[in-house]
């Protein structure tokens, strides 16, 4: 295992399946409701099959153990071999899929996200504690919390003791085993236990393919049960301004970053979240204090093509923000003042947006396992 484990004081895991309220921190409630409605083709195929086969075996073997949020042998971060920076275009879809990629275009011309409810037929047999899956958030003060959307409860897990110097958390994602991946402002990536806040460094090298800071989110591979990928959106797009940000993916075995391609149409700096059925979504705020506004977009995880977009009355362009999908709803965490965070929900089923509470810390990252309920 690379790095040194730094353990924080453990805290008991909430028993969400019994509907327990675990709100150690309950903030003042602010109610707002708004209704509205990416060689050689034969060689490339051999490389793709070999990589997918190896990744599938690694993930299946990891899923066989119980999910404790602690770091066992299967959680050890493997060293990155020399020359590991990859370009996902070598692993790109077939020519027919590539040809379907849109050529530029405008975000304003995109259709809204499909709100039709999908049957929850995802296989979760590899998901320990699937019924008790939570959303996890990290603050600018290195605090890790569990958030249970049904009762709006937050529970402090612990304070991260990652060897990050003066850097602070920037973004976060959580895998199917309940291990969090926390990116710091200097571009270093750490694995964090969602049960104890214990932290271990990974061999991820900042700056791969030009990615230093980025939004993150896991999405399942809809073609291979139990397989998921860590997608990243680089933050070169700027705050609220679409200026050429790109989509990539990190192999959490070797920690090489693969470039998928630029978002088309281009996006501002965005956070990502994914689902158990393989969908990938991005969120970015771009409003003002007088007129809060943001956008949620569905992204093709294979090409970085932006398929659809829906606006929400949440966020300003200077916000610290985070994003997660849980139970059919999108959850947005926005801090316009650097001291508190508005917690908002966009309900896909009926197009309503609510901001049921304000949390008394600056939330900068959120992550949820693809084992979470989809409705």
Protein backbone atom coordinates (compact mmCIF):
# COMPACT_ATOMS: atom_id res chain seq x y z
CA UNK A 1 0.00 0.00 0.00
CA UNK A 2 1.48 3.34 -1.03
CA UNK A 3 1.79 6.10 1.51
CA UNK A 4 1.11 6.24 5.20
CA UNK A 5 -2.32 5.66 6.67
CA UNK A 6 -3.50 8.48 8.88
CA UNK A 7 -6.46 7.46 10.94
CA UNK A 8 -9.07 9.71 12.42
CA UNK A 9 -11.32 8.78 15.27
CA UNK A 10 -13.97 6.27 14.04
CA UNK A 11 -17.66 6.95 14.15
CA UNK A 12 -20.55 4.52 14.07
CA UNK A 13 -22.18 3.91 10.68
CA UNK A 14 -25.82 5.00 10.49
CA UNK A 15 -28.43 2.29 10.03
CA UNK A 16 -30.21 3.96 7.16
CA UNK A 17 -32.26 0.84 6.48
CA UNK A 18 -34.11 1.41 9.73
CA UNK A 19 -34.83 5.01 8.77
CA UNK A 20 -32.72 6.37 11.63
CA UNK A 21 -32.13 10.08 11.74
CA UNK A 22 -28.44 10.78 12.20
CA UNK A 23 -28.41 14.56 12.05
CA UNK A 24 -25.68 15.53 14.47
CA UNK A 25 -25.52 18.74 12.51
CA UNK A 26 -28.88 20.23 11.66
CA UNK A 27 -28.67 23.58 9.94
CA UNK A 28 -31.23 26.32 9.68
CA UNK A 29 -33.79 25.48 7.04
CA UNK A 30 -34.36 27.75 4.10
CA UNK A 31 -37.25 26.60 1.96
CA UNK A 32 -37.40 27.58 -1.69
CA UNK A 33 -39.46 25.79 -4.33
CA UNK A 34 -39.23 26.43 -8.04
CA UNK A 35 -41.16 24.45 -10.66
CA UNK A 36 -39.93 24.09 -14.23
CA UNK A 37 -40.75 22.27 -15.95
CA UNK A 38 -15.02 10.35 -27.14
CA UNK A 39 -3.24 2.53 -34.82
CA UNK A 40 -4.57 -0.09 -36.19
CA UNK A 41 -8.09 -1.23 -35.65
CA UNK A 42 -7.31 -4.91 -35.00
CA UNK A 43 -4.50 -4.03 -32.60
CA UNK A 44 -6.76 -1.49 -30.90
CA UNK A 45 -9.43 -4.12 -30.37
CA UNK A 46 -6.91 -6.51 -28.78
CA UNK A 47 -5.68 -3.76 -26.44
CA UNK A 48 -9.22 -2.83 -25.44
CA UNK A 49 -10.21 -6.42 -24.70
CA UNK A 50 -7.07 -7.04 -22.64
CA UNK A 51 -7.55 -3.89 -20.58
CA UNK A 52 -11.23 -4.51 -19.96
CA UNK A 53 -10.56 -8.12 -19.01
CA UNK A 54 -7.86 -7.15 -16.51
CA UNK A 55 -9.94 -4.33 -15.01
CA UNK A 56 -12.99 -6.61 -14.70
CA UNK A 57 -10.98 -9.29 -12.83
CA UNK A 58 -9.52 -6.72 -10.45
CA UNK A 59 -12.89 -5.17 -9.63
CA UNK A 60 -14.67 -8.50 -9.24
CA UNK A 61 -12.03 -9.75 -6.82
CA UNK A 62 -12.28 -6.50 -4.83
CA UNK A 63 -16.07 -6.75 -4.67
CA UNK A 64 -15.92 -10.23 -3.12
CA UNK A 65 -14.94 -8.82 0.28
CA UNK A 66 -17.29 -7.03 2.60
CA UNK A 67 -17.51 -3.30 2.34
CA UNK A 68 -16.09 -1.84 5.50
CA UNK A 69 -14.66 1.44 4.26
CA UNK A 70 -11.30 0.33 5.73
CA UNK A 71 -8.20 -0.25 3.67
CA UNK A 72 -7.44 -3.92 3.21
CA UNK A 73 -4.88 -5.49 0.83
CA UNK A 74 -7.28 -5.07 -2.07
CA UNK A 75 -7.36 -1.31 -1.47
CA UNK A 76 -3.60 -0.77 -1.79
CA UNK A 77 -2.75 1.81 -4.42
CA UNK A 78 -0.56 0.25 -7.11
CA UNK A 79 2.41 2.22 -8.49
CA UNK A 80 2.02 3.88 -11.86
CA UNK A 81 4.45 2.38 -14.40
CA UNK A 82 6.59 4.60 -16.58
CA UNK A 83 4.83 5.85 -19.66
CA UNK A 84 1.43 5.20 -18.14
CA UNK A 85 -0.19 8.39 -19.34
CA UNK A 86 -2.71 7.17 -21.85
CA UNK A 87 -5.05 8.62 -24.41
CA UNK A 88 -8.48 7.08 -24.37
CA UNK A 89 -8.76 7.69 -28.11
CA UNK A 90 -6.82 4.43 -28.46
CA UNK A 91 -9.74 2.88 -26.63
CA UNK A 92 -12.38 4.86 -28.50
CA UNK A 93 -15.65 3.42 -29.69
CA UNK A 94 -16.11 2.04 -33.19
CA UNK A 95 -16.08 4.36 -36.18
CA UNK A 96 -19.86 4.44 -36.31
CA UNK A 97 -20.05 5.68 -32.72
CA UNK A 98 -17.34 8.27 -33.31
CA UNK A 99 -19.11 9.56 -36.41
CA UNK A 100 -22.22 10.17 -34.30
CA UNK A 101 -20.36 12.73 -32.18
CA UNK A 102 -21.83 16.22 -32.65
CA UNK A 103 -19.71 18.86 -34.32
CA UNK A 104 -19.64 21.83 -31.96
CA UNK A 105 -23.03 23.37 -31.45
CA UNK A 106 -24.53 25.34 -28.61
CA UNK A 107 -25.58 24.31 -25.13
CA UNK A 108 -28.74 26.34 -25.64
CA UNK A 109 -29.73 24.10 -28.55
CA UNK A 110 -29.68 20.90 -26.49
CA UNK A 111 -32.89 19.14 -25.47
CA UNK A 112 -33.74 18.83 -21.77
CA UNK A 113 -32.65 15.78 -19.81
CA UNK A 114 -35.09 12.90 -20.24
CA UNK A 115 -37.26 12.87 -17.14
CA UNK A 116 -38.94 9.53 -17.85
CA UNK A 117 -38.57 7.18 -14.90
CA UNK A 118 -36.46 4.14 -15.70
CA UNK A 119 -37.03 0.73 -14.14
CA UNK A 120 -34.43 0.03 -11.46
CA UNK A 121 -33.18 -3.29 -12.85
CA UNK A 122 -29.50 -2.81 -11.99
CA UNK A 123 -27.72 -5.83 -10.50
CA UNK A 124 -26.46 -4.81 -7.05
CA UNK A 125 -25.41 -8.25 -5.79
CA UNK A 126 -21.80 -7.00 -5.63
CA UNK A 127 -22.83 -4.04 -3.48
CA UNK A 128 -22.29 -4.69 0.22
CA UNK A 129 -24.68 -2.61 2.30
CA UNK A 130 -26.42 -1.39 -0.87
CA UNK A 131 -29.61 -0.55 0.99
CA UNK A 132 -27.66 1.69 3.37
CA UNK A 133 -25.73 3.64 0.73
CA UNK A 134 -25.18 7.29 1.60
CA UNK A 135 -23.92 10.47 0.01
CA UNK A 136 -20.56 11.63 1.39
CA UNK A 137 -19.33 15.23 1.40
CA UNK A 138 -15.99 16.84 2.23
CA UNK A 139 -15.53 20.40 3.40
CA UNK A 140 -12.83 23.01 2.88
CA UNK A 141 -11.76 22.29 6.47
CA UNK A 142 -10.99 18.60 5.69
CA UNK A 143 -14.10 17.28 7.42
CA UNK A 144 -15.81 14.18 6.02
CA UNK A 145 -19.57 13.86 6.54
CA UNK A 146 -22.20 11.31 5.62
CA UNK A 147 -25.44 12.76 4.24
CA UNK A 148 -28.71 10.82 4.15
CA UNK A 149 -31.07 12.54 1.67
CA UNK A 150 -34.38 11.04 2.91
CA UNK A 151 -34.15 12.87 6.24
CA UNK A 152 -31.59 15.58 5.30
CA UNK A 153 -29.29 14.38 8.09
CA UNK A 154 -25.54 14.97 8.22
CA UNK A 155 -23.16 12.95 10.42
CA UNK A 156 -19.52 13.84 10.99
CA UNK A 157 -17.26 10.86 10.23
CA UNK A 158 -13.95 12.52 11.02
CA UNK A 159 -11.30 14.99 9.94
CA UNK A 160 -8.97 13.98 7.12
CA UNK A 161 -5.29 13.77 8.04
CA UNK A 162 -3.98 13.37 4.50
CA UNK A 163 -0.31 14.39 4.03
CA UNK A 164 -1.27 17.28 1.77
CA UNK A 165 0.64 20.18 3.32
CA UNK A 166 -1.24 23.43 2.84
CA UNK A 167 -3.48 22.02 0.10
CA UNK A 168 -7.18 21.56 0.81
CA UNK A 169 -9.86 19.28 -0.68
CA UNK A 170 -11.10 20.20 -4.13
CA UNK A 171 -13.37 17.35 -5.27
CA UNK A 172 -14.44 13.83 -4.29
CA UNK A 173 -15.94 10.60 -5.66
CA UNK A 174 -16.92 7.29 -3.98
CA UNK A 175 -16.61 3.79 -5.48
CA UNK A 176 -18.83 0.72 -5.07
CA UNK A 177 -16.77 -0.51 -2.09
CA UNK A 178 -17.35 2.71 -0.20
CA UNK A 179 -13.83 4.08 -0.70
CA UNK A 180 -13.67 7.81 -1.31
CA UNK A 181 -11.20 9.42 -3.71
CA UNK A 182 -10.41 12.96 -2.59
CA UNK A 183 -8.58 15.38 -4.88
CA UNK A 184 -6.68 18.24 -3.26
CA UNK A 185 -5.98 21.68 -4.67
CA UNK A 186 -2.37 20.75 -5.54
CA UNK A 187 -3.60 17.93 -7.81
CA UNK A 188 -2.75 15.03 -5.49
CA UNK A 189 -5.32 12.25 -5.08
CA UNK A 190 -5.95 10.32 -1.87
CA UNK A 191 -8.05 7.32 -0.90
CA UNK A 192 -10.19 7.90 2.18
CA UNK A 193 -12.23 5.49 4.27
CA UNK A 194 -15.89 6.47 4.47
CA UNK A 195 -16.12 4.79 7.89
CA UNK A 196 -13.14 6.28 9.70
CA UNK A 197 -11.79 9.11 7.47
CA UNK A 198 -8.45 7.24 7.38
CA UNK A 199 -6.39 8.53 4.46
CA UNK A 200 -3.73 6.98 2.22
CA UNK A 201 -1.83 8.57 -0.66
CA UNK A 202 -2.15 7.16 -4.18
CA UNK A 203 0.56 7.14 -6.88
CA UNK A 204 -1.57 9.37 -9.11
CA UNK A 205 0.67 11.94 -10.83
CA UNK A 206 -0.86 15.42 -11.13
CA UNK A 207 -0.77 17.00 -14.57
CA UNK A 208 -1.44 13.86 -16.64
CA UNK A 209 -2.89 14.98 -19.99
CA UNK A 210 -2.96 18.50 -18.53
CA UNK A 211 -5.36 17.62 -15.70
CA UNK A 212 -4.41 19.15 -12.34
CA UNK A 213 -7.71 19.94 -10.64
CA UNK A 214 -10.96 18.43 -11.83
CA UNK A 215 -14.46 17.38 -10.95
CA UNK A 216 -14.99 13.65 -10.37
CA UNK A 217 -17.67 10.99 -10.43
CA UNK A 218 -17.98 7.23 -10.80
CA UNK A 219 -20.40 5.78 -13.36
CA UNK A 220 -21.12 2.12 -13.92
CA UNK A 221 -20.28 0.37 -17.19
CA UNK A 222 -23.74 -0.65 -18.32
CA UNK A 223 -22.31 -3.51 -20.41
CA UNK A 224 -20.33 -5.25 -17.63
CA UNK A 225 -21.99 -5.89 -14.25
CA UNK A 226 -19.91 -4.59 -11.35
CA UNK A 227 -17.55 -2.56 -13.55
CA UNK A 228 -17.33 1.18 -13.05
CA UNK A 229 -15.01 4.01 -14.11
CA UNK A 230 -13.83 7.16 -12.38
CA UNK A 231 -14.59 10.02 -14.75
CA UNK A 232 -12.95 13.44 -14.39
CA UNK A 233 -13.73 16.86 -15.87
CA UNK A 234 -10.75 19.21 -15.91
CA UNK A 235 -11.29 22.66 -14.47
CA UNK A 236 -9.68 24.64 -17.30
CA UNK A 237 -13.16 25.69 -18.38
CA UNK A 238 -13.27 28.44 -15.80
CA UNK A 239 -16.07 29.39 -13.47
CA UNK A 240 -19.38 29.57 -15.33
CA UNK A 241 -17.69 30.19 -18.69
CA UNK A 242 -17.46 27.45 -21.37
CA UNK A 243 -13.82 27.58 -22.55
CA UNK A 244 -12.78 24.09 -23.61
CA UNK A 245 -12.88 21.76 -20.63
CA UNK A 246 -12.30 18.02 -21.27
CA UNK A 247 -13.44 14.64 -20.04
CA UNK A 248 -11.04 11.92 -18.89
CA UNK A 249 -11.02 8.75 -16.81
CA UNK A 250 -8.65 7.49 -14.11
CA UNK A 251 -7.76 3.81 -13.82
CA UNK A 252 -7.95 3.27 -10.06
CA UNK A 253 -5.65 0.23 -10.32
CA UNK A 254 -2.63 1.89 -11.98
CA UNK A 255 -3.77 5.50 -11.53
CA UNK A 256 -3.14 6.51 -15.13
CA UNK A 257 -5.42 9.18 -16.54
CA UNK A 258 -6.87 8.63 -20.01
CA UNK A 259 -8.12 11.52 -22.09
CA UNK A 260 -11.53 10.90 -23.61
CA UNK A 261 -11.83 14.27 -25.33
CA UNK A 262 -13.23 17.80 -25.14
CA UNK A 263 -16.83 18.26 -24.17
CA UNK A 264 -18.94 19.00 -27.23
CA UNK A 265 -20.50 21.52 -26.88
CA UNK A 266 -17.88 22.90 -24.52
CA UNK A 267 -18.62 23.22 -20.80
CA UNK A 268 -17.41 25.45 -17.96
CA UNK A 269 -15.68 23.94 -14.94
CA UNK A 270 -18.09 21.22 -13.82
CA UNK A 271 -18.61 18.53 -11.21
CA UNK A 272 -19.66 14.99 -12.19
CA UNK A 273 -21.91 12.27 -10.86
CA UNK A 274 -22.88 8.91 -12.33
CA UNK A 275 -25.50 6.23 -11.99
CA UNK A 276 -25.74 2.46 -11.71
CA UNK A 277 -27.15 2.18 -15.23
CA UNK A 278 -24.14 3.91 -16.82
CA UNK A 279 -25.32 7.49 -17.17
CA UNK A 280 -22.95 10.40 -16.50
CA UNK A 281 -24.04 13.91 -15.53
CA UNK A 282 -22.29 17.26 -15.09
CA UNK A 283 -23.35 20.30 -13.08
CA UNK A 284 -22.03 23.85 -13.11
CA UNK A 285 -23.36 27.07 -11.55
CA UNK A 286 -23.39 30.20 -13.69
CA UNK A 287 -25.82 32.64 -12.10
CA UNK A 288 -25.52 35.76 -9.99
CA UNK A 289 -26.56 36.60 -6.45
CA UNK A 290 -29.62 38.37 -7.84
CA UNK A 291 -30.48 35.57 -10.28
CA UNK A 292 -29.09 32.20 -9.15
CA UNK A 293 -28.77 29.69 -11.98
CA UNK A 294 -26.95 26.51 -12.94
CA UNK A 295 -27.15 23.71 -15.47
CA UNK A 296 -27.23 19.92 -15.29
CA UNK A 297 -26.12 18.08 -18.45
CA UNK A 298 -26.08 14.43 -19.50
CA UNK A 299 -22.71 13.46 -21.03
CA UNK A 300 -21.81 10.49 -23.23
CA UNK A 301 -19.09 8.76 -21.16
CA UNK A 302 -17.49 7.28 -24.28
CA UNK A 303 -17.16 10.42 -26.39
CA UNK A 304 -17.70 13.44 -24.08
CA UNK A 305 -20.60 14.53 -26.27
CA UNK A 306 -23.13 16.54 -24.27
CA UNK A 307 -26.51 14.96 -24.97
CA UNK A 308 -28.95 17.09 -23.00
CA UNK A 309 -29.13 20.00 -20.59
CA UNK A 310 -31.60 21.27 -18.03
CA UNK A 311 -31.28 24.60 -16.20
CA UNK A 312 -31.90 24.90 -12.46
CA UNK A 313 -32.30 28.07 -10.36
CA UNK A 314 -29.31 27.19 -8.17
CA UNK A 315 -25.81 28.66 -7.95
CA UNK A 316 -23.61 31.59 -8.86
CA UNK A 317 -20.52 31.51 -11.05
CA UNK A 318 -18.17 32.02 -8.08
CA UNK A 319 -19.57 29.24 -5.90
CA UNK A 320 -17.65 26.42 -4.35
CA UNK A 321 -19.88 23.51 -5.32
CA UNK A 322 -20.42 19.76 -5.32
CA UNK A 323 -22.89 17.37 -7.00
CA UNK A 324 -24.40 13.93 -6.43
CA UNK A 325 -27.24 11.69 -7.72
CA UNK A 326 -29.35 9.75 -5.24
CA UNK A 327 -32.77 8.13 -5.46
CA UNK A 328 -33.73 9.74 -8.77
CA UNK A 329 -32.78 13.24 -7.61
CA UNK A 330 -29.78 15.49 -8.22
CA UNK A 331 -28.27 17.08 -5.12
CA UNK A 332 -26.28 20.31 -5.42
CA UNK A 333 -24.14 21.81 -2.66
CA UNK A 334 -23.31 25.48 -3.30
CA UNK A 335 -21.30 27.87 -1.15
CA UNK A 336 -21.61 31.45 -2.39
CA UNK A 337 -20.01 33.01 0.69
CA UNK A 338 -17.29 30.51 1.65
CA UNK A 339 -18.82 29.87 5.06
CA UNK A 340 -22.07 27.94 4.48
CA UNK A 341 -23.50 25.70 1.76
CA UNK A 342 -27.00 25.66 0.34
CA UNK A 343 -28.18 22.08 -0.12
CA UNK A 344 -30.55 21.86 -3.10
CA UNK A 345 -32.42 19.06 -4.80
CA UNK A 346 -33.57 18.90 -8.42
CA UNK A 347 -36.26 16.28 -8.78
CA UNK A 348 -36.05 14.82 -12.26
CA UNK A 349 -39.51 13.30 -12.10
CA UNK A 350 -41.41 16.58 -11.81
CA UNK A 351 -38.85 19.29 -12.64
CA UNK A 352 -38.97 20.97 -9.22
CA UNK A 353 -36.01 22.45 -7.40
CA UNK A 354 -35.96 22.88 -3.63
CA UNK A 355 -33.35 24.20 -1.21
CA UNK A 356 -34.44 22.60 2.07
CA UNK A 357 -31.46 23.58 4.21
CA UNK A 358 -28.26 25.50 4.59
CA UNK A 359 -25.27 23.60 6.00
CA UNK A 360 -22.86 25.54 8.24
CA UNK A 361 -19.68 24.56 6.38
CA UNK A 362 -18.23 25.01 2.88
CA UNK A 363 -18.82 21.75 0.99
CA UNK A 364 -16.28 21.35 -1.84
CA UNK A 365 -16.78 17.72 -2.85
CA UNK A 366 -19.51 15.08 -2.84
CA UNK A 367 -19.53 11.44 -3.81
CA UNK A 368 -21.99 8.58 -3.90
CA UNK A 369 -21.55 4.94 -4.86
CA UNK A 370 -23.19 3.62 -8.02
CA UNK A 371 -24.84 1.16 -5.63
CA UNK A 372 -27.12 3.98 -4.49
CA UNK A 373 -30.82 3.73 -5.32
CA UNK A 374 -31.75 5.18 -8.70
CA UNK A 375 -35.28 6.17 -7.74
